[in-house]
Amino acid sequence: MDPSRLILRARIIRSLRRFFEEEGFIEVSTPLLVSTLAPEPHIEAFSVEDRFLITSPELNLKRLLAEGFTRIFQLGPVFRRGERGRYHLPEFTLLEWYRAEATYEDLMDDCERLFSFILKELGLSKLIYQGQEIDISRPFLRLTVAEAFESLAGRPLGSSIDLERFYQDLAEVIEPALPRHRPVFLYDYPAPAAALARLKSTEPVAERVELYVGGLELANGFSELTDPEEQARRFREDLKKRQALGAKIYPWPETFLKALETMPPAAGMALGVDRLVMLFTDASSIDEVVPFIPEET
């Protein structure tokens, strides 16, 4: 790794903390070893004896919202088995923040202000990634998933969603065609593609948003689902998918579901810090922005 990138990484992480502290958020540290996880069909956890390394701190952060915290964030390592590639590591750094009485629109506003803040903190007048200057002035471009399929895939999304094909089209057709000269929010996902997100009251889509900058998928957020019965139903559907895939079945997240009974309306976002560092240090691979890669440890 280029030492200058490691120095910039430290400055970026420092600026992330400063931004959220100035916004009135409290930094918290939830356990890295947990007894259960959300049963997401395609995310696999590392087992440590009878527990699991977190794939995200999401469930425990939402429990803190239920306890009365209103603005919280966690910045630290998470672990996902089988993830390795140009943009993926099995251990990576994740920033998650949650706001009570907020929606995914508030998260988009957070992201826009955060990018301006980081640029200023680093003393940069502009952002250039892989030869492309990126205009980070507000507002960022916003496209619904349906609009993206119409304009970039040349076909309507349709009302009957095959999730496997949806994610394949998203990765192979939509994401490569997204503009790279401006950040893009892709939002309003099909309901089956957002198991932890609230559904819109006016349309059969979920209030989920993803942020893409310079071709990098950086962040994923929701207006949070707070109905414990509906969440349990969706978890059961995801468990069936895991069973069909032959994946490990995690213990039922009863404590989390109980906490949803008192959780306020909220929104939460997860941002990949290593990819963010890639963007601001003009790195083409995630290996260039971490001190050690897995193969060397």
C-alpha atoms as a PDB file:
ATOM      1  CA  MET A   1       0.000   0.000   0.000  1.00  0.00           C
ATOM      2  CA  ASP A   2       1.121   3.529  -0.806  1.00  0.00           C
ATOM      3  CA  PRO A   3       1.829   5.204   2.601  1.00  0.00           C
ATOM      4  CA  SER A   4       0.223   8.430   1.363  1.00  0.00           C
ATOM      5  CA  ARG A   5      -3.075   6.586   0.948  1.00  0.00           C
ATOM      6  CA  LEU A   6      -2.884   5.262   4.509  1.00  0.00           C
ATOM      7  CA  ILE A   7      -2.346   8.830   5.754  1.00  0.00           C
ATOM      8  CA  LEU A   8      -5.321  10.065   3.715  1.00  0.00           C
ATOM      9  CA  ARG A   9      -7.388   7.162   5.012  1.00  0.00           C
ATOM     10  CA  ALA A  10      -6.753   8.318   8.582  1.00  0.00           C
ATOM     11  CA  ARG A  11      -7.733  11.882   7.672  1.00  0.00           C
ATOM     12  CA  ILE A  12     -10.933  10.701   5.974  1.00  0.00           C
ATOM     13  CA  ILE A  13     -11.937   8.607   8.980  1.00  0.00           C
ATOM     14  CA  ARG A  14     -11.220  11.556  11.256  1.00  0.00           C
ATOM     15  CA  SER A  15     -13.429  13.768   9.068  1.00  0.00           C
ATOM     16  CA  LEU A  16     -16.271  11.221   9.180  1.00  0.00           C
ATOM     17  CA  ARG A  17     -16.266  11.292  12.964  1.00  0.00           C
ATOM     18  CA  ARG A  18     -16.056  15.084  13.038  1.00  0.00           C
ATOM     19  CA  PHE A  19     -18.996  15.447  10.652  1.00  0.00           C
ATOM     20  CA  PHE A  20     -21.326  13.267  12.685  1.00  0.00           C
ATOM     21  CA  GLU A  21     -20.229  14.708  16.011  1.00  0.00           C
ATOM     22  CA  GLU A  22     -20.930  18.219  14.700  1.00  0.00           C
ATOM     23  CA  GLU A  23     -24.347  16.978  13.548  1.00  0.00           C
ATOM     24  CA  GLY A  24     -25.188  15.902  17.095  1.00  0.00           C
ATOM     25  CA  PHE A  25     -24.663  12.163  16.670  1.00  0.00           C
ATOM     26  CA  ILE A  26     -23.220   9.951  19.396  1.00  0.00           C
ATOM     27  CA  GLU A  27     -20.641   7.331  18.430  1.00  0.00           C
ATOM     28  CA  VAL A  28     -21.397   3.921  19.900  1.00  0.00           C
ATOM     29  CA  SER A  29     -19.685   0.532  19.846  1.00  0.00           C
ATOM     30  CA  THR A  30     -21.940  -2.506  19.692  1.00  0.00           C
ATOM     31  CA  PRO A  31     -20.628  -6.088  19.990  1.00  0.00           C
ATOM     32  CA  LEU A  32     -18.616  -7.649  17.173  1.00  0.00           C
ATOM     33  CA  LEU A  33     -19.603 -11.130  18.368  1.00  0.00           C
ATOM     34  CA  VAL A  34     -23.340 -11.717  18.429  1.00  0.00           C
ATOM     35  CA  SER A  35     -25.725 -14.603  18.992  1.00  0.00           C
ATOM     36  CA  THR A  36     -27.860 -14.001  15.899  1.00  0.00           C
ATOM     37  CA  LEU A  37     -28.058 -12.039  12.649  1.00  0.00           C
ATOM     38  CA  ALA A  38     -30.628 -10.870  10.140  1.00  0.00           C
ATOM     39  CA  PRO A  39     -31.265 -13.849   7.819  1.00  0.00           C
ATOM     40  CA  GLU A  40     -30.235 -12.118   4.591  1.00  0.00           C
ATOM     41  CA  PRO A  41     -30.158 -14.793   1.862  1.00  0.00           C
ATOM     42  CA  HIS A  42     -26.836 -13.916   0.233  1.00  0.00           C
ATOM     43  CA  ILE A  43     -24.712 -12.659   3.141  1.00  0.00           C
ATOM     44  CA  GLU A  44     -22.711 -15.263   5.045  1.00  0.00           C
ATOM     45  CA  ALA A  45     -21.196 -14.795   8.502  1.00  0.00           C
ATOM     46  CA  PHE A  46     -18.075 -16.208  10.103  1.00  0.00           C
ATOM     47  CA  SER A  47     -18.822 -18.500  13.053  1.00  0.00           C
ATOM     48  CA  VAL A  48     -16.776 -18.241  16.233  1.00  0.00           C
ATOM     49  CA  GLU A  49     -17.697 -21.168  18.482  1.00  0.00           C
ATOM     50  CA  ASP A  50     -21.444 -20.631  19.145  1.00  0.00           C
ATOM     51  CA  ARG A  51     -21.520 -16.995  18.023  1.00  0.00           C
ATOM     52  CA  PHE A  52     -21.058 -14.955  14.848  1.00  0.00           C
ATOM     53  CA  LEU A  53     -18.902 -12.040  13.770  1.00  0.00           C
ATOM     54  CA  ILE A  54     -21.205  -9.214  12.737  1.00  0.00           C
ATOM     55  CA  THR A  55     -21.973  -8.674   9.060  1.00  0.00           C
ATOM     56  CA  SER A  56     -23.455  -5.309  10.107  1.00  0.00           C
ATOM     57  CA  PRO A  57     -24.180  -3.663  13.481  1.00  0.00           C
ATOM     58  CA  GLU A  58     -27.715  -2.881  12.274  1.00  0.00           C
ATOM     59  CA  LEU A  59     -29.812  -4.958  14.647  1.00  0.00           C
ATOM     60  CA  ASN A  60     -28.083  -3.717  17.777  1.00  0.00           C
ATOM     61  CA  LEU A  61     -28.041  -0.092  16.619  1.00  0.00           C
ATOM     62  CA  LYS A  62     -31.798  -0.252  16.149  1.00  0.00           C
ATOM     63  CA  ARG A  63     -32.130  -1.650  19.658  1.00  0.00           C
ATOM     64  CA  LEU A  64     -30.412   1.515  20.878  1.00  0.00           C
ATOM     65  CA  LEU A  65     -32.962   3.610  18.988  1.00  0.00           C
ATOM     66  CA  ALA A  66     -35.654   1.679  20.836  1.00  0.00           C
ATOM     67  CA  GLU A  67     -33.898   2.606  24.103  1.00  0.00           C
ATOM     68  CA  GLY A  68     -34.298   6.305  23.335  1.00  0.00           C
ATOM     69  CA  PHE A  69     -31.162   7.326  21.431  1.00  0.00           C
ATOM     70  CA  THR A  70     -32.039   9.606  18.519  1.00  0.00           C
ATOM     71  CA  ARG A  71     -28.799  10.090  16.545  1.00  0.00           C
ATOM     72  CA  ILE A  72     -26.131   7.400  16.653  1.00  0.00           C
ATOM     73  CA  PHE A  73     -23.328   6.066  14.476  1.00  0.00           C
ATOM     74  CA  GLN A  74     -20.827   3.234  14.538  1.00  0.00           C
ATOM     75  CA  LEU A  75     -17.591   3.111  12.572  1.00  0.00           C
ATOM     76  CA  GLY A  76     -15.602  -0.086  12.613  1.00  0.00           C
ATOM     77  CA  PRO A  77     -14.964  -3.540  11.182  1.00  0.00           C
ATOM     78  CA  VAL A  78     -17.575  -5.967   9.904  1.00  0.00           C
ATOM     79  CA  PHE A  79     -17.073  -9.443   8.476  1.00  0.00           C
ATOM     80  CA  ARG A  80     -18.632 -11.333   5.559  1.00  0.00           C
ATOM     81  CA  ARG A  81     -17.531 -14.786   4.537  1.00  0.00           C
ATOM     82  CA  GLY A  82     -16.784 -15.420   0.872  1.00  0.00           C
ATOM     83  CA  GLU A  83     -16.502 -11.766  -0.163  1.00  0.00           C
ATOM     84  CA  ARG A  84     -13.234 -11.080  -1.981  1.00  0.00           C
ATOM     85  CA  GLY A  85     -12.549  -9.104  -5.120  1.00  0.00           C
ATOM     86  CA  ARG A  86     -11.615  -5.737  -6.542  1.00  0.00           C
ATOM     87  CA  TYR A  87     -14.206  -3.998  -4.350  1.00  0.00           C
ATOM     88  CA  HIS A  88     -14.691  -6.604  -1.623  1.00  0.00           C
ATOM     89  CA  LEU A  89     -12.877  -7.839   1.476  1.00  0.00           C
ATOM     90  CA  PRO A  90     -14.030 -10.437   4.028  1.00  0.00           C
ATOM     91  CA  GLU A  91     -13.169  -7.893   6.751  1.00  0.00           C
ATOM     92  CA  PHE A  92     -13.933  -4.289   5.901  1.00  0.00           C
ATOM     93  CA  THR A  93     -14.731  -0.978   7.568  1.00  0.00           C
ATOM     94  CA  LEU A  94     -18.347   0.128   7.701  1.00  0.00           C
ATOM     95  CA  LEU A  95     -19.954   3.366   8.851  1.00  0.00           C
ATOM     96  CA  GLU A  96     -23.592   3.104   9.884  1.00  0.00           C
ATOM     97  CA  TRP A  97     -25.707   5.977  11.140  1.00  0.00           C
ATOM     98  CA  TYR A  98     -29.306   6.128  12.335  1.00  0.00           C
ATOM     99  CA  ARG A  99     -31.677   9.028  12.905  1.00  0.00           C
ATOM    100  CA  ALA A 100     -34.967   8.810  14.787  1.00  0.00           C
ATOM    101  CA  GLU A 101     -37.969  10.536  13.210  1.00  0.00           C
ATOM    102  CA  ALA A 102     -36.245  10.557   9.808  1.00  0.00           C
ATOM    103  CA  THR A 103     -36.709   9.046   6.346  1.00  0.00           C
ATOM    104  CA  TYR A 104     -34.476   7.965   3.491  1.00  0.00           C
ATOM    105  CA  GLU A 105     -34.770  11.486   2.101  1.00  0.00           C
ATOM    106  CA  ASP A 106     -32.940  12.739   5.202  1.00  0.00           C
ATOM    107  CA  LEU A 107     -30.211  10.161   4.549  1.00  0.00           C
ATOM    108  CA  MET A 108     -29.734  11.507   1.024  1.00  0.00           C
ATOM    109  CA  ASP A 109     -29.342  14.992   2.464  1.00  0.00           C
ATOM    110  CA  ASP A 110     -26.800  13.645   4.993  1.00  0.00           C
ATOM    111  CA  CYS A 111     -24.739  12.112   2.196  1.00  0.00           C
ATOM    112  CA  GLU A 112     -24.704  15.301   0.141  1.00  0.00           C
ATOM    113  CA  ARG A 113     -23.488  17.364   3.076  1.00  0.00           C
ATOM    114  CA  LEU A 114     -21.009  14.685   4.137  1.00  0.00           C
ATOM    115  CA  PHE A 115     -19.257  14.699   0.761  1.00  0.00           C
ATOM    116  CA  SER A 116     -18.894  18.466   0.778  1.00  0.00           C
ATOM    117  CA  PHE A 117     -17.540  18.273   4.323  1.00  0.00           C
ATOM    118  CA  ILE A 118     -14.908  15.652   3.476  1.00  0.00           C
ATOM    119  CA  LEU A 119     -13.738  17.570   0.420  1.00  0.00           C
ATOM    120  CA  LYS A 120     -13.310  20.691   2.546  1.00  0.00           C
ATOM    121  CA  GLU A 121     -11.568  18.788   5.354  1.00  0.00           C
ATOM    122  CA  LEU A 122      -9.060  17.335   2.899  1.00  0.00           C
ATOM    123  CA  GLY A 123      -8.430  20.739   1.368  1.00  0.00           C
ATOM    124  CA  LEU A 124      -9.500  19.608  -2.100  1.00  0.00           C
ATOM    125  CA  SER A 125     -11.085  21.953  -4.604  1.00  0.00           C
ATOM    126  CA  LYS A 126     -12.478  19.121  -6.736  1.00  0.00           C
ATOM    127  CA  LEU A 127     -12.892  15.359  -6.784  1.00  0.00           C
ATOM    128  CA  ILE A 128     -11.297  13.372  -9.607  1.00  0.00           C
ATOM    129  CA  TYR A 129     -11.635   9.591  -9.747  1.00  0.00           C
ATOM    130  CA  GLN A 130     -10.018   7.438 -12.447  1.00  0.00           C
ATOM    131  CA  GLY A 131      -9.674  10.396 -14.791  1.00  0.00           C
ATOM    132  CA  GLN A 132     -13.257  11.619 -14.299  1.00  0.00           C
ATOM    133  CA  GLU A 133     -13.971  14.879 -12.488  1.00  0.00           C
ATOM    134  CA  ILE A 134     -17.058  14.395 -10.313  1.00  0.00           C
ATOM    135  CA  ASP A 135     -19.383  17.288  -9.584  1.00  0.00           C
ATOM    136  CA  ILE A 136     -20.424  16.874  -5.942  1.00  0.00           C
ATOM    137  CA  SER A 137     -22.480  20.056  -5.751  1.00  0.00           C
ATOM    138  CA  ARG A 138     -25.957  19.602  -4.344  1.00  0.00           C
ATOM    139  CA  PRO A 139     -28.363  18.141  -5.188  1.00  0.00           C
ATOM    140  CA  PHE A 140     -27.027  14.794  -6.359  1.00  0.00           C
ATOM    141  CA  LEU A 141     -28.841  13.095  -9.237  1.00  0.00           C
ATOM    142  CA  ARG A 142     -31.812  11.035  -8.058  1.00  0.00           C
ATOM    143  CA  LEU A 143     -33.296   8.158 -10.059  1.00  0.00           C
ATOM    144  CA  THR A 144     -35.966   5.717  -8.987  1.00  0.00           C
ATOM    145  CA  VAL A 145     -35.192   2.106  -9.810  1.00  0.00           C
ATOM    146  CA  ALA A 146     -38.143   2.104 -12.202  1.00  0.00           C
ATOM    147  CA  GLU A 147     -36.785   5.186 -14.000  1.00  0.00           C
ATOM    148  CA  ALA A 148     -33.341   3.589 -14.229  1.00  0.00           C
ATOM    149  CA  PHE A 149     -34.733   0.448 -15.868  1.00  0.00           C
ATOM    150  CA  GLU A 150     -36.774   2.513 -18.331  1.00  0.00           C
ATOM    151  CA  SER A 151     -33.920   4.835 -19.334  1.00  0.00           C
ATOM    152  CA  LEU A 152     -30.856   2.583 -18.976  1.00  0.00           C
ATOM    153  CA  ALA A 153     -32.170  -0.929 -19.622  1.00  0.00           C
ATOM    154  CA  GLY A 154     -34.796   0.134 -22.150  1.00  0.00           C
ATOM    155  CA  ARG A 155     -37.578  -1.809 -20.508  1.00  0.00           C
ATOM    156  CA  PRO A 156     -40.064  -1.354 -17.676  1.00  0.00           C
ATOM    157  CA  LEU A 157     -39.267  -2.932 -14.349  1.00  0.00           C
ATOM    158  CA  GLY A 158     -42.657  -4.612 -14.188  1.00  0.00           C
ATOM    159  CA  SER A 159     -44.760  -5.550 -11.179  1.00  0.00           C
ATOM    160  CA  SER A 160     -43.710  -9.201 -10.912  1.00  0.00           C
ATOM    161  CA  ILE A 161     -40.081  -9.285  -9.714  1.00  0.00           C
ATOM    162  CA  ASP A 162     -37.715 -12.200 -10.169  1.00  0.00           C
ATOM    163  CA  LEU A 163     -35.069 -11.178  -7.624  1.00  0.00           C
ATOM    164  CA  GLU A 164     -32.269 -13.167  -9.214  1.00  0.00           C
ATOM    165  CA  ARG A 165     -32.821 -11.509 -12.584  1.00  0.00           C
ATOM    166  CA  PHE A 166     -33.392  -8.117 -10.953  1.00  0.00           C
ATOM    167  CA  TYR A 167     -30.015  -8.164  -9.191  1.00  0.00           C
ATOM    168  CA  GLN A 168     -28.293  -9.517 -12.301  1.00  0.00           C
ATOM    169  CA  ASP A 169     -29.727  -6.700 -14.427  1.00  0.00           C
ATOM    170  CA  LEU A 170     -28.867  -4.184 -11.747  1.00  0.00           C
ATOM    171  CA  ALA A 171     -25.229  -5.298 -11.657  1.00  0.00           C
ATOM    172  CA  GLU A 172     -24.709  -5.923 -15.368  1.00  0.00           C
ATOM    173  CA  VAL A 173     -26.913  -3.305 -17.045  1.00  0.00           C
ATOM    174  CA  ILE A 174     -27.969  -0.509 -14.685  1.00  0.00           C
ATOM    175  CA  GLU A 175     -24.912   0.110 -12.511  1.00  0.00           C
ATOM    176  CA  PRO A 176     -22.370   0.292 -15.384  1.00  0.00           C
ATOM    177  CA  ALA A 177     -24.617   2.787 -17.201  1.00  0.00           C
ATOM    178  CA  LEU A 178     -25.104   5.190 -14.282  1.00  0.00           C
ATOM    179  CA  PRO A 179     -23.537   8.640 -14.829  1.00  0.00           C
ATOM    180  CA  ARG A 180     -20.025   8.940 -13.407  1.00  0.00           C
ATOM    181  CA  HIS A 181     -19.617  12.707 -13.516  1.00  0.00           C
ATOM    182  CA  ARG A 182     -22.160  13.165 -10.707  1.00  0.00           C
ATOM    183  CA  PRO A 183     -23.129  11.124  -7.642  1.00  0.00           C
ATOM    184  CA  VAL A 184     -26.368   9.202  -8.149  1.00  0.00           C
ATOM    185  CA  PHE A 185     -29.001   8.098  -5.658  1.00  0.00           C
ATOM    186  CA  LEU A 186     -30.915   5.036  -6.869  1.00  0.00           C
ATOM    187  CA  TYR A 187     -34.061   4.745  -4.764  1.00  0.00           C
ATOM    188  CA  ASP A 188     -37.523   3.163  -4.405  1.00  0.00           C
ATOM    189  CA  TYR A 189     -36.567  -0.493  -4.773  1.00  0.00           C
ATOM    190  CA  PRO A 190     -39.005  -3.352  -5.399  1.00  0.00           C
ATOM    191  CA  ALA A 191     -40.397  -4.478  -2.061  1.00  0.00           C
ATOM    192  CA  PRO A 192     -38.816  -7.982  -2.249  1.00  0.00           C
ATOM    193  CA  ALA A 193     -35.370  -6.327  -2.551  1.00  0.00           C
ATOM    194  CA  ALA A 194     -35.574  -4.511   0.786  1.00  0.00           C
ATOM    195  CA  ALA A 195     -36.417  -6.848   3.660  1.00  0.00           C
ATOM    196  CA  LEU A 196     -35.690  -4.294   6.396  1.00  0.00           C
ATOM    197  CA  ALA A 197     -37.175  -1.214   4.734  1.00  0.00           C
ATOM    198  CA  ARG A 198     -40.533   0.466   5.129  1.00  0.00           C
ATOM    199  CA  LEU A 199     -42.905   0.383   2.161  1.00  0.00           C
ATOM    200  CA  LYS A 200     -44.119   3.645   0.636  1.00  0.00           C
ATOM    201  CA  SER A 201     -47.687   4.516   1.511  1.00  0.00           C
ATOM    202  CA  THR A 202     -48.518   5.490  -2.086  1.00  0.00           C
ATOM    203  CA  GLU A 203     -46.694   2.843  -4.135  1.00  0.00           C
ATOM    204  CA  PRO A 204     -45.782  -0.866  -3.786  1.00  0.00           C
ATOM    205  CA  VAL A 205     -42.066  -0.086  -3.457  1.00  0.00           C
ATOM    206  CA  ALA A 206     -39.679   0.102  -0.510  1.00  0.00           C
ATOM    207  CA  GLU A 207     -38.040   3.278   0.787  1.00  0.00           C
ATOM    208  CA  ARG A 208     -34.528   2.027   0.097  1.00  0.00           C
ATOM    209  CA  VAL A 209     -31.727   4.121  -1.414  1.00  0.00           C
ATOM    210  CA  GLU A 210     -28.227   3.346  -2.689  1.00  0.00           C
ATOM    211  CA  LEU A 211     -25.528   5.897  -3.463  1.00  0.00           C
ATOM    212  CA  TYR A 212     -23.161   5.489  -6.426  1.00  0.00           C
ATOM    213  CA  VAL A 213     -20.192   7.789  -7.017  1.00  0.00           C
ATOM    214  CA  GLY A 214     -17.714   7.424  -9.872  1.00  0.00           C
ATOM    215  CA  GLY A 215     -18.986   3.930 -10.600  1.00  0.00           C
ATOM    216  CA  LEU A 216     -18.552   2.798  -6.981  1.00  0.00           C
ATOM    217  CA  GLU A 217     -21.501   1.554  -4.945  1.00  0.00           C
ATOM    218  CA  LEU A 218     -20.861   3.361  -1.663  1.00  0.00           C
ATOM    219  CA  ALA A 219     -23.910   3.364   0.598  1.00  0.00           C
ATOM    220  CA  ASN A 220     -27.204   1.611   1.213  1.00  0.00           C
ATOM    221  CA  GLY A 221     -30.001   2.948   3.418  1.00  0.00           C
ATOM    222  CA  PHE A 222     -33.669   2.674   4.348  1.00  0.00           C
ATOM    223  CA  SER A 223     -36.587   4.293   5.984  1.00  0.00           C
ATOM    224  CA  GLU A 224     -36.683   1.578   8.605  1.00  0.00           C
ATOM    225  CA  LEU A 225     -39.441  -0.962   9.011  1.00  0.00           C
ATOM    226  CA  THR A 226     -40.672  -0.782  12.617  1.00  0.00           C
ATOM    227  CA  ASP A 227     -43.607  -3.212  12.512  1.00  0.00           C
ATOM    228  CA  PRO A 228     -42.401  -6.341  14.379  1.00  0.00           C
ATOM    229  CA  GLU A 229     -45.046  -8.628  12.852  1.00  0.00           C
ATOM    230  CA  GLU A 230     -44.228  -7.558   9.294  1.00  0.00           C
ATOM    231  CA  GLN A 231     -40.499  -7.810  10.000  1.00  0.00           C
ATOM    232  CA  ALA A 232     -40.948 -11.328  11.384  1.00  0.00           C
ATOM    233  CA  ARG A 233     -42.908 -12.293   8.261  1.00  0.00           C
ATOM    234  CA  ARG A 234     -40.111 -11.014   6.007  1.00  0.00           C
ATOM    235  CA  PHE A 235     -37.472 -12.760   8.091  1.00  0.00           C
ATOM    236  CA  ARG A 236     -39.382 -16.035   7.695  1.00  0.00           C
ATOM    237  CA  GLU A 237     -39.391 -15.517   3.919  1.00  0.00           C
ATOM    238  CA  ASP A 238     -35.634 -14.910   3.973  1.00  0.00           C
ATOM    239  CA  LEU A 239     -35.118 -18.020   6.111  1.00  0.00           C
ATOM    240  CA  LYS A 240     -36.918 -20.071   3.470  1.00  0.00           C
ATOM    241  CA  LYS A 241     -34.560 -18.659   0.837  1.00  0.00           C
ATOM    242  CA  ARG A 242     -31.528 -19.520   2.975  1.00  0.00           C
ATOM    243  CA  GLN A 243     -32.853 -23.040   3.475  1.00  0.00           C
ATOM    244  CA  ALA A 244     -33.361 -23.432  -0.294  1.00  0.00           C
ATOM    245  CA  LEU A 245     -29.758 -22.311  -0.842  1.00  0.00           C
ATOM    246  CA  GLY A 246     -28.454 -24.727   1.774  1.00  0.00           C
ATOM    247  CA  ALA A 247     -27.112 -21.805   3.831  1.00  0.00           C
ATOM    248  CA  LYS A 248     -26.606 -21.795   7.589  1.00  0.00           C
ATOM    249  CA  ILE A 249     -29.719 -20.906   9.579  1.00  0.00           C
ATOM    250  CA  TYR A 250     -29.109 -18.338  12.310  1.00  0.00           C
ATOM    251  CA  PRO A 251     -31.004 -18.333  15.630  1.00  0.00           C
ATOM    252  CA  TRP A 252     -34.253 -16.354  15.524  1.00  0.00           C
ATOM    253  CA  PRO A 253     -33.610 -12.633  16.388  1.00  0.00           C
ATOM    254  CA  GLU A 254     -36.273 -12.471  19.087  1.00  0.00           C
ATOM    255  CA  THR A 255     -34.616  -9.673  21.089  1.00  0.00           C
ATOM    256  CA  PHE A 256     -34.427  -7.438  18.040  1.00  0.00           C
ATOM    257  CA  LEU A 257     -38.044  -8.082  17.060  1.00  0.00           C
ATOM    258  CA  LYS A 258     -39.147  -7.278  20.605  1.00  0.00           C
ATOM    259  CA  ALA A 259     -37.232  -3.980  20.448  1.00  0.00           C
ATOM    260  CA  LEU A 260     -39.129  -2.995  17.290  1.00  0.00           C
ATOM    261  CA  GLU A 261     -42.257  -2.649  19.424  1.00  0.00           C
ATOM    262  CA  THR A 262     -40.837   0.557  20.933  1.00  0.00           C
ATOM    263  CA  MET A 263     -38.560   1.738  18.130  1.00  0.00           C
ATOM    264  CA  PRO A 264     -39.536   5.159  16.747  1.00  0.00           C
ATOM    265  CA  PRO A 265     -39.802   5.935  13.026  1.00  0.00           C
ATOM    266  CA  ALA A 266     -36.206   6.120  11.826  1.00  0.00           C
ATOM    267  CA  ALA A 267     -33.819   5.921   8.918  1.00  0.00           C
ATOM    268  CA  GLY A 268     -30.378   4.335   8.709  1.00  0.00           C
ATOM    269  CA  MET A 269     -27.506   4.253   6.231  1.00  0.00           C
ATOM    270  CA  ALA A 270     -24.474   1.985   5.833  1.00  0.00           C
ATOM    271  CA  LEU A 271     -21.463   3.389   3.979  1.00  0.00           C
ATOM    272  CA  GLY A 272     -18.412   1.391   2.915  1.00  0.00           C
ATOM    273  CA  VAL A 273     -15.431   3.331   4.271  1.00  0.00           C
ATOM    274  CA  ASP A 274     -12.797   1.467   2.257  1.00  0.00           C
ATOM    275  CA  ARG A 275     -14.595   2.289  -1.002  1.00  0.00           C
ATOM    276  CA  LEU A 276     -14.972   5.887   0.141  1.00  0.00           C
ATOM    277  CA  VAL A 277     -11.197   5.991   0.653  1.00  0.00           C
ATOM    278  CA  MET A 278     -10.761   4.497  -2.835  1.00  0.00           C
ATOM    279  CA  LEU A 279     -12.774   7.387  -4.227  1.00  0.00           C
ATOM    280  CA  PHE A 280     -10.888  10.159  -2.444  1.00  0.00           C
ATOM    281  CA  THR A 281      -7.445   8.624  -3.068  1.00  0.00           C
ATOM    282  CA  ASP A 282      -8.110   7.651  -6.705  1.00  0.00           C
ATOM    283  CA  ALA A 283      -7.482   3.939  -6.047  1.00  0.00           C
ATOM    284  CA  SER A 284      -8.700   1.355  -8.553  1.00  0.00           C
ATOM    285  CA  SER A 285      -8.778  -1.547  -6.085  1.00  0.00           C
ATOM    286  CA  ILE A 286      -9.772  -1.913  -2.457  1.00  0.00           C
ATOM    287  CA  ASP A 287      -6.412  -3.610  -1.839  1.00  0.00           C
ATOM    288  CA  GLU A 288      -4.736  -0.216  -2.321  1.00  0.00           C
ATOM    289  CA  VAL A 289      -6.469   1.445   0.638  1.00  0.00           C
ATOM    290  CA  VAL A 290      -6.037  -1.045   3.487  1.00  0.00           C
ATOM    291  CA  PRO A 291      -2.808  -1.636   5.439  1.00  0.00           C
ATOM    292  CA  PHE A 292      -2.914  -5.408   4.852  1.00  0.00           C
ATOM    293  CA  ILE A 293      -4.887  -7.636   2.518  1.00  0.00           C
ATOM    294  CA  PRO A 294      -6.226 -10.990   3.782  1.00  0.00           C
ATOM    295  CA  GLU A 295      -3.656 -13.029   1.841  1.00  0.00           C
ATOM    296  CA  GLU A 296      -0.825 -11.327   3.744  1.00  0.00           C
ATOM    297  CA  THR A 297      -2.110 -11.761   7.295  1.00  0.00           C
END
